[in-house]
Amino acid sequence: MLSRALYQPMGEAGAYTPRKGLEEGHNQQLVLQHIRNCGSKGATIGELEQVLSNKTRPQISTLLRRLKASGRIRVEGRTRGAQWHPAETGNDL
């Protein structure tokens, strides 16, 4: 996806936001599906890097923080050893 700054000179400034939103939603669904499929084992950041191979670790971490803040996932552990699980509340799972 091109940056917002590149869409403007092309006269397509309005095209950026829907594309960005669709990509974000798609990535969230991919991450949620992988975490669900991992079951009680949980998913590691390394596995999620494979799922979203076009994203950097910081981008994936930001996505995980957003999903955690929304109550859709939870984490056990810290740093590289952390395991991501579906939230027990069942939000959007």
PDB file of N, CA and C in Angstrom:
ATOM      1  N   MET A   1       0.843  -1.167   0.000  1.00  0.00           N
ATOM      2  CA  MET A   1       0.000   0.000   0.000  1.00  0.00           C
ATOM      3  C   MET A   1       0.891   1.233   0.000  1.00  0.00           C
ATOM      4  N   LEU A   2       0.499   2.195  -0.793  1.00  0.00           N
ATOM      5  CA  LEU A   2       1.228   3.457  -0.835  1.00  0.00           C
ATOM      6  C   LEU A   2       0.878   4.296   0.378  1.00  0.00           C
ATOM      7  N   SER A   3       1.747   5.237   0.726  1.00  0.00           N
ATOM      8  CA  SER A   3       1.474   6.118   1.856  1.00  0.00           C
ATOM      9  C   SER A   3       0.444   7.173   1.454  1.00  0.00           C
ATOM     10  N   ARG A   4      -0.161   7.791   2.455  1.00  0.00           N
ATOM     11  CA  ARG A   4      -1.148   8.838   2.223  1.00  0.00           C
ATOM     12  C   ARG A   4      -0.544   9.963   1.364  1.00  0.00           C
ATOM     13  N   ALA A   5       0.712  10.316   1.615  1.00  0.00           N
ATOM     14  CA  ALA A   5       1.368  11.405   0.895  1.00  0.00           C
ATOM     15  C   ALA A   5       1.471  11.111  -0.607  1.00  0.00           C
ATOM     16  N   LEU A   6       1.566   9.870  -1.000  1.00  0.00           N
ATOM     17  CA  LEU A   6       1.681   9.535  -2.417  1.00  0.00           C
ATOM     18  C   LEU A   6       0.326   9.512  -3.112  1.00  0.00           C
ATOM     19  N   TYR A   7      -0.739   9.258  -2.379  1.00  0.00           N
ATOM     20  CA  TYR A   7      -2.068   9.268  -2.985  1.00  0.00           C
ATOM     21  C   TYR A   7      -2.509  10.684  -3.349  1.00  0.00           C
ATOM     22  N   GLN A   8      -2.106  11.684  -2.558  1.00  0.00           N
ATOM     23  CA  GLN A   8      -2.548  13.054  -2.788  1.00  0.00           C
ATOM     24  C   GLN A   8      -2.122  13.594  -4.156  1.00  0.00           C
ATOM     25  N   PRO A   9      -0.849  13.527  -4.560  1.00  0.00           N
ATOM     26  CA  PRO A   9      -0.468  14.045  -5.875  1.00  0.00           C
ATOM     27  C   PRO A   9      -1.156  13.322  -7.037  1.00  0.00           C
ATOM     28  N   MET A  10      -1.566  12.081  -6.807  1.00  0.00           N
ATOM     29  CA  MET A  10      -2.242  11.308  -7.847  1.00  0.00           C
ATOM     30  C   MET A  10      -3.719  11.687  -7.939  1.00  0.00           C
ATOM     31  N   GLY A  11      -4.166  12.577  -7.044  1.00  0.00           N
ATOM     32  CA  GLY A  11      -5.569  12.972  -7.043  1.00  0.00           C
ATOM     33  C   GLY A  11      -6.481  11.921  -6.437  1.00  0.00           C
ATOM     34  N   GLU A  12      -5.928  11.042  -5.608  1.00  0.00           N
ATOM     35  CA  GLU A  12      -6.701   9.963  -5.000  1.00  0.00           C
ATOM     36  C   GLU A  12      -6.551   9.962  -3.480  1.00  0.00           C
ATOM     37  N   ALA A  13      -6.540  11.150  -2.882  1.00  0.00           N
ATOM     38  CA  ALA A  13      -6.351  11.245  -1.441  1.00  0.00           C
ATOM     39  C   ALA A  13      -7.413  10.468  -0.669  1.00  0.00           C
ATOM     40  N   GLY A  14      -8.624  10.424  -1.187  1.00  0.00           N
ATOM     41  CA  GLY A  14      -9.710   9.700  -0.514  1.00  0.00           C
ATOM     42  C   GLY A  14      -9.597   8.198  -0.610  1.00  0.00           C
ATOM     43  N   ALA A  15      -8.752   7.684  -1.459  1.00  0.00           N
ATOM     44  CA  ALA A  15      -8.612   6.238  -1.625  1.00  0.00           C
ATOM     45  C   ALA A  15      -7.774   5.609  -0.522  1.00  0.00           C
ATOM     46  N   TYR A  16      -6.960   6.399   0.161  1.00  0.00           N
ATOM     47  CA  TYR A  16      -6.049   5.854   1.163  1.00  0.00           C
ATOM     48  C   TYR A  16      -6.799   5.281   2.357  1.00  0.00           C
ATOM     49  N   THR A  17      -7.742   6.046   2.899  1.00  0.00           N
ATOM     50  CA  THR A  17      -8.404   5.658   4.144  1.00  0.00           C
ATOM     51  C   THR A  17      -9.143   4.327   4.027  1.00  0.00           C
ATOM     52  N   PRO A  18      -9.986   4.103   3.001  1.00  0.00           N
ATOM     53  CA  PRO A  18     -10.650   2.799   2.917  1.00  0.00           C
ATOM     54  C   PRO A  18      -9.675   1.642   2.751  1.00  0.00           C
ATOM     55  N   ARG A  19      -8.630   1.855   1.958  1.00  0.00           N
ATOM     56  CA  ARG A  19      -7.644   0.785   1.761  1.00  0.00           C
ATOM     57  C   ARG A  19      -6.934   0.458   3.067  1.00  0.00           C
ATOM     58  N   LYS A  20      -6.562   1.513   3.805  1.00  0.00           N
ATOM     59  CA  LYS A  20      -5.880   1.332   5.082  1.00  0.00           C
ATOM     60  C   LYS A  20      -6.790   0.597   6.055  1.00  0.00           C
ATOM     61  N   GLY A  21      -8.052   1.013   6.112  1.00  0.00           N
ATOM     62  CA  GLY A  21      -9.008   0.371   7.015  1.00  0.00           C
ATOM     63  C   GLY A  21      -9.248  -1.083   6.679  1.00  0.00           C
ATOM     64  N   LEU A  22      -9.357  -1.392   5.395  1.00  0.00           N
ATOM     65  CA  LEU A  22      -9.556  -2.779   4.978  1.00  0.00           C
ATOM     66  C   LEU A  22      -8.353  -3.637   5.328  1.00  0.00           C
ATOM     67  N   GLU A  23      -7.167  -3.099   5.101  1.00  0.00           N
ATOM     68  CA  GLU A  23      -5.958  -3.854   5.414  1.00  0.00           C
ATOM     69  C   GLU A  23      -5.868  -4.122   6.920  1.00  0.00           C
ATOM     70  N   GLU A  24      -6.150  -3.101   7.719  1.00  0.00           N
ATOM     71  CA  GLU A  24      -6.085  -3.258   9.178  1.00  0.00           C
ATOM     72  C   GLU A  24      -7.076  -4.329   9.640  1.00  0.00           C
ATOM     73  N   GLY A  25      -8.309  -4.272   9.141  1.00  0.00           N
ATOM     74  CA  GLY A  25      -9.321  -5.259   9.515  1.00  0.00           C
ATOM     75  C   GLY A  25      -8.939  -6.661   9.084  1.00  0.00           C
ATOM     76  N   HIS A  26      -8.387  -6.774   7.893  1.00  0.00           N
ATOM     77  CA  HIS A  26      -7.956  -8.072   7.380  1.00  0.00           C
ATOM     78  C   HIS A  26      -6.830  -8.641   8.244  1.00  0.00           C
ATOM     79  N   ASN A  27      -5.864  -7.807   8.582  1.00  0.00           N
ATOM     80  CA  ASN A  27      -4.755  -8.260   9.420  1.00  0.00           C
ATOM     81  C   ASN A  27      -5.240  -8.699  10.792  1.00  0.00           C
ATOM     82  N   GLN A  28      -6.188  -7.957  11.368  1.00  0.00           N
ATOM     83  CA  GLN A  28      -6.747  -8.341  12.668  1.00  0.00           C
ATOM     84  C   GLN A  28      -7.409  -9.704  12.582  1.00  0.00           C
ATOM     85  N   GLN A  29      -8.180  -9.923  11.524  1.00  0.00           N
ATOM     86  CA  GLN A  29      -8.856 -11.208  11.372  1.00  0.00           C
ATOM     87  C   GLN A  29      -7.866 -12.351  11.190  1.00  0.00           C
ATOM     88  N   LEU A  30      -6.800 -12.126  10.434  1.00  0.00           N
ATOM     89  CA  LEU A  30      -5.774 -13.160  10.267  1.00  0.00           C
ATOM     90  C   LEU A  30      -5.126 -13.517  11.601  1.00  0.00           C
ATOM     91  N   VAL A  31      -4.794 -12.491  12.384  1.00  0.00           N
ATOM     92  CA  VAL A  31      -4.166 -12.714  13.681  1.00  0.00           C
ATOM     93  C   VAL A  31      -5.129 -13.445  14.617  1.00  0.00           C
ATOM     94  N   LEU A  32      -6.375 -12.986  14.672  1.00  0.00           N
ATOM     95  CA  LEU A  32      -7.366 -13.635  15.540  1.00  0.00           C
ATOM     96  C   LEU A  32      -7.573 -15.094  15.155  1.00  0.00           C
ATOM     97  N   GLN A  33      -7.657 -15.370  13.851  1.00  0.00           N
ATOM     98  CA  GLN A  33      -7.850 -16.746  13.393  1.00  0.00           C
ATOM     99  C   GLN A  33      -6.662 -17.626  13.784  1.00  0.00           C
ATOM    100  N   HIS A  34      -5.460 -17.130  13.626  1.00  0.00           N
ATOM    101  CA  HIS A  34      -4.279 -17.924  13.989  1.00  0.00           C
ATOM    102  C   HIS A  34      -4.248 -18.175  15.501  1.00  0.00           C
ATOM    103  N   ILE A  35      -4.548 -17.156  16.267  1.00  0.00           N
ATOM    104  CA  ILE A  35      -4.550 -17.319  17.724  1.00  0.00           C
ATOM    105  C   ILE A  35      -5.598 -18.343  18.135  1.00  0.00           C
ATOM    106  N   ARG A  36      -6.772 -18.295  17.549  1.00  0.00           N
ATOM    107  CA  ARG A  36      -7.817 -19.289  17.838  1.00  0.00           C
ATOM    108  C   ARG A  36      -7.339 -20.686  17.484  1.00  0.00           C
ATOM    109  N   ASN A  37      -6.692 -20.822  16.330  1.00  0.00           N
ATOM    110  CA  ASN A  37      -6.239 -22.138  15.867  1.00  0.00           C
ATOM    111  C   ASN A  37      -5.146 -22.728  16.751  1.00  0.00           C
ATOM    112  N   CYS A  38      -4.430 -21.887  17.473  1.00  0.00           N
ATOM    113  CA  CYS A  38      -3.350 -22.370  18.342  1.00  0.00           C
ATOM    114  C   CYS A  38      -3.881 -23.017  19.617  1.00  0.00           C
ATOM    115  N   GLY A  39      -5.135 -22.761  19.956  1.00  0.00           N
ATOM    116  CA  GLY A  39      -5.734 -23.357  21.142  1.00  0.00           C
ATOM    117  C   GLY A  39      -5.043 -22.928  22.418  1.00  0.00           C
ATOM    118  N   SER A  40      -4.920 -23.853  23.357  1.00  0.00           N
ATOM    119  CA  SER A  40      -4.378 -23.525  24.678  1.00  0.00           C
ATOM    120  C   SER A  40      -2.876 -23.240  24.638  1.00  0.00           C
ATOM    121  N   LYS A  41      -2.207 -23.646  23.575  1.00  0.00           N
ATOM    122  CA  LYS A  41      -0.766 -23.393  23.428  1.00  0.00           C
ATOM    123  C   LYS A  41      -0.474 -21.902  23.272  1.00  0.00           C
ATOM    124  N   GLY A  42      -1.363 -21.197  22.608  1.00  0.00           N
ATOM    125  CA  GLY A  42      -1.137 -19.780  22.357  1.00  0.00           C
ATOM    126  C   GLY A  42      -0.225 -19.569  21.161  1.00  0.00           C
ATOM    127  N   ALA A  43      -0.202 -18.347  20.677  1.00  0.00           N
ATOM    128  CA  ALA A  43       0.621 -17.995  19.515  1.00  0.00           C
ATOM    129  C   ALA A  43       1.761 -17.094  19.954  1.00  0.00           C
ATOM    130  N   THR A  44       2.926 -17.330  19.415  1.00  0.00           N
ATOM    131  CA  THR A  44       4.086 -16.495  19.727  1.00  0.00           C
ATOM    132  C   THR A  44       4.216 -15.380  18.690  1.00  0.00           C
ATOM    133  N   ILE A  45       4.997 -14.376  19.017  1.00  0.00           N
ATOM    134  CA  ILE A  45       5.237 -13.281  18.079  1.00  0.00           C
ATOM    135  C   ILE A  45       5.921 -13.801  16.816  1.00  0.00           C
ATOM    136  N   GLY A  46       6.766 -14.803  16.952  1.00  0.00           N
ATOM    137  CA  GLY A  46       7.420 -15.390  15.785  1.00  0.00           C
ATOM    138  C   GLY A  46       6.427 -16.014  14.820  1.00  0.00           C
ATOM    139  N   GLU A  47       5.421 -16.698  15.359  1.00  0.00           N
ATOM    140  CA  GLU A  47       4.384 -17.283  14.506  1.00  0.00           C
ATOM    141  C   GLU A  47       3.581 -16.186  13.822  1.00  0.00           C
ATOM    142  N   LEU A  48       3.286 -15.129  14.568  1.00  0.00           N
ATOM    143  CA  LEU A  48       2.495 -14.038  14.009  1.00  0.00           C
ATOM    144  C   LEU A  48       3.282 -13.272  12.942  1.00  0.00           C
ATOM    145  N   GLU A  49       4.600 -13.272  13.056  1.00  0.00           N
ATOM    146  CA  GLU A  49       5.431 -12.681  11.998  1.00  0.00           C
ATOM    147  C   GLU A  49       5.315 -13.501  10.717  1.00  0.00           C
ATOM    148  N   GLN A  50       5.132 -14.800  10.841  1.00  0.00           N
ATOM    149  CA  GLN A  50       4.935 -15.641   9.667  1.00  0.00           C
ATOM    150  C   GLN A  50       3.555 -15.401   9.056  1.00  0.00           C
ATOM    151  N   VAL A  51       2.544 -15.216   9.913  1.00  0.00           N
ATOM    152  CA  VAL A  51       1.184 -14.960   9.443  1.00  0.00           C
ATOM    153  C   VAL A  51       1.125 -13.636   8.682  1.00  0.00           C
ATOM    154  N   LEU A  52       1.765 -12.613   9.229  1.00  0.00           N
ATOM    155  CA  LEU A  52       1.786 -11.283   8.614  1.00  0.00           C
ATOM    156  C   LEU A  52       3.201 -10.982   8.117  1.00  0.00           C
ATOM    157  N   SER A  53       3.658 -11.764   7.177  1.00  0.00           N
ATOM    158  CA  SER A  53       5.051 -11.664   6.728  1.00  0.00           C
ATOM    159  C   SER A  53       5.378 -10.324   6.071  1.00  0.00           C
ATOM    160  N   ASN A  54       4.376  -9.568   5.686  1.00  0.00           N
ATOM    161  CA  ASN A  54       4.628  -8.262   5.075  1.00  0.00           C
ATOM    162  C   ASN A  54       4.696  -7.142   6.105  1.00  0.00           C
ATOM    163  N   LYS A  55       4.590  -7.477   7.396  1.00  0.00           N
ATOM    164  CA  LYS A  55       4.624  -6.478   8.471  1.00  0.00           C
ATOM    165  C   LYS A  55       5.878  -6.666   9.314  1.00  0.00           C
ATOM    166  N   THR A  56       6.339  -5.573   9.899  1.00  0.00           N
ATOM    167  CA  THR A  56       7.490  -5.637  10.789  1.00  0.00           C
ATOM    168  C   THR A  56       7.027  -6.037  12.186  1.00  0.00           C
ATOM    169  N   ARG A  57       7.963  -6.436  13.019  1.00  0.00           N
ATOM    170  CA  ARG A  57       7.624  -6.794  14.404  1.00  0.00           C
ATOM    171  C   ARG A  57       6.954  -5.632  15.142  1.00  0.00           C
ATOM    172  N   PRO A  58       7.461  -4.392  15.020  1.00  0.00           N
ATOM    173  CA  PRO A  58       6.774  -3.280  15.689  1.00  0.00           C
ATOM    174  C   PRO A  58       5.336  -3.076  15.183  1.00  0.00           C
ATOM    175  N   GLN A  59       5.102  -3.282  13.902  1.00  0.00           N
ATOM    176  CA  GLN A  59       3.747  -3.152  13.369  1.00  0.00           C
ATOM    177  C   GLN A  59       2.834  -4.237  13.932  1.00  0.00           C
ATOM    178  N   ILE A  60       3.349  -5.441  14.050  1.00  0.00           N
ATOM    179  CA  ILE A  60       2.568  -6.544  14.610  1.00  0.00           C
ATOM    180  C   ILE A  60       2.313  -6.290  16.092  1.00  0.00           C
ATOM    181  N   SER A  61       3.309  -5.798  16.798  1.00  0.00           N
ATOM    182  CA  SER A  61       3.136  -5.486  18.224  1.00  0.00           C
ATOM    183  C   SER A  61       2.055  -4.430  18.423  1.00  0.00           C
ATOM    184  N   THR A  62       2.020  -3.436  17.556  1.00  0.00           N
ATOM    185  CA  THR A  62       0.980  -2.407  17.642  1.00  0.00           C
ATOM    186  C   THR A  62      -0.394  -3.024  17.419  1.00  0.00           C
ATOM    187  N   LEU A  63      -0.508  -3.891  16.443  1.00  0.00           N
ATOM    188  CA  LEU A  63      -1.768  -4.577  16.170  1.00  0.00           C
ATOM    189  C   LEU A  63      -2.199  -5.418  17.373  1.00  0.00           C
ATOM    190  N   LEU A  64      -1.254  -6.124  17.988  1.00  0.00           N
ATOM    191  CA  LEU A  64      -1.563  -6.938  19.161  1.00  0.00           C
ATOM    192  C   LEU A  64      -2.011  -6.071  20.334  1.00  0.00           C
ATOM    193  N   ARG A  65      -1.355  -4.938  20.528  1.00  0.00           N
ATOM    194  CA  ARG A  65      -1.766  -4.023  21.612  1.00  0.00           C
ATOM    195  C   ARG A  65      -3.192  -3.526  21.398  1.00  0.00           C
ATOM    196  N   ARG A  66      -3.538  -3.221  20.169  1.00  0.00           N
ATOM    197  CA  ARG A  66      -4.903  -2.765  19.872  1.00  0.00           C
ATOM    198  C   ARG A  66      -5.922  -3.861  20.145  1.00  0.00           C
ATOM    199  N   LEU A  67      -5.610  -5.072  19.723  1.00  0.00           N
ATOM    200  CA  LEU A  67      -6.529  -6.191  19.964  1.00  0.00           C
ATOM    201  C   LEU A  67      -6.661  -6.484  21.454  1.00  0.00           C
ATOM    202  N   LYS A  68      -5.567  -6.368  22.178  1.00  0.00           N
ATOM    203  CA  LYS A  68      -5.601  -6.580  23.632  1.00  0.00           C
ATOM    204  C   LYS A  68      -6.420  -5.490  24.311  1.00  0.00           C
ATOM    205  N   ALA A  69      -6.218  -4.243  23.917  1.00  0.00           N
ATOM    206  CA  ALA A  69      -6.953  -3.122  24.511  1.00  0.00           C
ATOM    207  C   ALA A  69      -8.449  -3.236  24.247  1.00  0.00           C
ATOM    208  N   SER A  70      -8.820  -3.826  23.120  1.00  0.00           N
ATOM    209  CA  SER A  70     -10.235  -3.986  22.796  1.00  0.00           C
ATOM    210  C   SER A  70     -10.841  -5.220  23.474  1.00  0.00           C
ATOM    211  N   GLY A  71     -10.018  -5.983  24.187  1.00  0.00           N
ATOM    212  CA  GLY A  71     -10.517  -7.147  24.917  1.00  0.00           C
ATOM    213  C   GLY A  71     -10.695  -8.390  24.072  1.00  0.00           C
ATOM    214  N   ARG A  72     -10.101  -8.411  22.900  1.00  0.00           N
ATOM    215  CA  ARG A  72     -10.270  -9.562  22.009  1.00  0.00           C
ATOM    216  C   ARG A  72      -9.223 -10.644  22.209  1.00  0.00           C
ATOM    217  N   ILE A  73      -8.053 -10.275  22.732  1.00  0.00           N
ATOM    218  CA  ILE A  73      -7.000 -11.247  23.016  1.00  0.00           C
ATOM    219  C   ILE A  73      -6.372 -10.910  24.364  1.00  0.00           C
ATOM    220  N   ARG A  74      -5.610 -11.871  24.876  1.00  0.00           N
ATOM    221  CA  ARG A  74      -4.862 -11.661  26.122  1.00  0.00           C
ATOM    222  C   ARG A  74      -3.476 -12.256  25.919  1.00  0.00           C
ATOM    223  N   VAL A  75      -2.557 -11.869  26.788  1.00  0.00           N
ATOM    224  CA  VAL A  75      -1.188 -12.347  26.654  1.00  0.00           C
ATOM    225  C   VAL A  75      -0.741 -12.979  27.961  1.00  0.00           C
ATOM    226  N   GLU A  76       0.047 -14.030  27.846  1.00  0.00           N
ATOM    227  CA  GLU A  76       0.699 -14.664  28.994  1.00  0.00           C
ATOM    228  C   GLU A  76       2.189 -14.612  28.733  1.00  0.00           C
ATOM    229  N   GLY A  77       2.928 -14.102  29.693  1.00  0.00           N
ATOM    230  CA  GLY A  77       4.369 -13.998  29.543  1.00  0.00           C
ATOM    231  C   GLY A  77       4.780 -12.641  29.010  1.00  0.00           C
ATOM    232  N   ARG A  78       6.085 -12.524  28.785  1.00  0.00           N
ATOM    233  CA  ARG A  78       6.646 -11.252  28.323  1.00  0.00           C
ATOM    234  C   ARG A  78       7.660 -11.489  27.222  1.00  0.00           C
ATOM    235  N   THR A  79       7.985 -10.453  26.533  1.00  0.00           N
ATOM    236  CA  THR A  79       8.988 -10.420  25.465  1.00  0.00           C
ATOM    237  C   THR A  79       8.757 -11.534  24.443  1.00  0.00           C
ATOM    238  N   ARG A  80       9.824 -12.128  23.941  1.00  0.00           N
ATOM    239  CA  ARG A  80       9.694 -13.136  22.881  1.00  0.00           C
ATOM    240  C   ARG A  80       8.988 -14.413  23.352  1.00  0.00           C
ATOM    241  N   GLY A  81       9.000 -14.665  24.645  1.00  0.00           N
ATOM    242  CA  GLY A  81       8.360 -15.861  25.168  1.00  0.00           C
ATOM    243  C   GLY A  81       6.867 -15.698  25.402  1.00  0.00           C
ATOM    244  N   ALA A  82       6.324 -14.529  25.141  1.00  0.00           N
ATOM    245  CA  ALA A  82       4.900 -14.272  25.366  1.00  0.00           C
ATOM    246  C   ALA A  82       4.056 -15.143  24.440  1.00  0.00           C
ATOM    247  N   GLN A  83       2.912 -15.548  24.966  1.00  0.00           N
ATOM    248  CA  GLN A  83       1.971 -16.344  24.181  1.00  0.00           C
ATOM    249  C   GLN A  83       0.630 -15.623  24.181  1.00  0.00           C
ATOM    250  N   TRP A  84       0.096 -15.430  22.987  1.00  0.00           N
ATOM    251  CA  TRP A  84      -1.162 -14.717  22.801  1.00  0.00           C
ATOM    252  C   TRP A  84      -2.293 -15.718  22.688  1.00  0.00           C
ATOM    253  N   HIS A  85      -3.390 -15.423  23.415  1.00  0.00           N
ATOM    254  CA  HIS A  85      -4.550 -16.309  23.489  1.00  0.00           C
ATOM    255  C   HIS A  85      -5.823 -15.517  23.205  1.00  0.00           C
ATOM    256  N   PRO A  86      -6.887 -16.213  22.786  1.00  0.00           N
ATOM    257  CA  PRO A  86      -8.172 -15.523  22.682  1.00  0.00           C
ATOM    258  C   PRO A  86      -8.598 -15.039  24.061  1.00  0.00           C
ATOM    259  N   ALA A  87      -9.279 -13.920  24.116  1.00  0.00           N
ATOM    260  CA  ALA A  87      -9.785 -13.417  25.392  1.00  0.00           C
ATOM    261  C   ALA A  87     -10.866 -14.377  25.894  1.00  0.00           C
ATOM    262  N   GLU A  88     -10.934 -14.548  27.165  1.00  0.00           N
ATOM    263  CA  GLU A  88     -11.898 -15.483  27.738  1.00  0.00           C
ATOM    264  C   GLU A  88     -13.323 -14.945  27.702  1.00  0.00           C
ATOM    265  N   THR A  89     -13.469 -13.649  27.464  1.00  0.00           N
ATOM    266  CA  THR A  89     -14.813 -13.059  27.415  1.00  0.00           C
ATOM    267  C   THR A  89     -15.550 -13.422  26.147  1.00  0.00           C
ATOM    268  N   GLY A  90     -14.834 -13.869  25.126  1.00  0.00           N
ATOM    269  CA  GLY A  90     -15.485 -14.283  23.881  1.00  0.00           C
ATOM    270  C   GLY A  90     -15.774 -13.132  22.946  1.00  0.00           C
ATOM    271  N   ASN A  91     -15.209 -11.958  23.163  1.00  0.00           N
ATOM    272  CA  ASN A  91     -15.436 -10.824  22.267  1.00  0.00           C
ATOM    273  C   ASN A  91     -14.931 -11.136  20.872  1.00  0.00           C
ATOM    274  N   ASP A  92     -15.871 -11.138  19.912  1.00  0.00           N
ATOM    275  CA  ASP A  92     -15.543 -11.278  18.491  1.00  0.00           C
ATOM    276  C   ASP A  92     -14.745 -12.535  18.189  1.00  0.00           C
ATOM    277  N   LEU A  93     -14.943 -13.572  18.960  1.00  0.00           N
ATOM    278  CA  LEU A  93     -14.209 -14.806  18.681  1.00  0.00           C
ATOM    279  C   LEU A  93     -15.120 -15.888  18.216  1.00  0.00           C
TER     280      LEU A  93
END
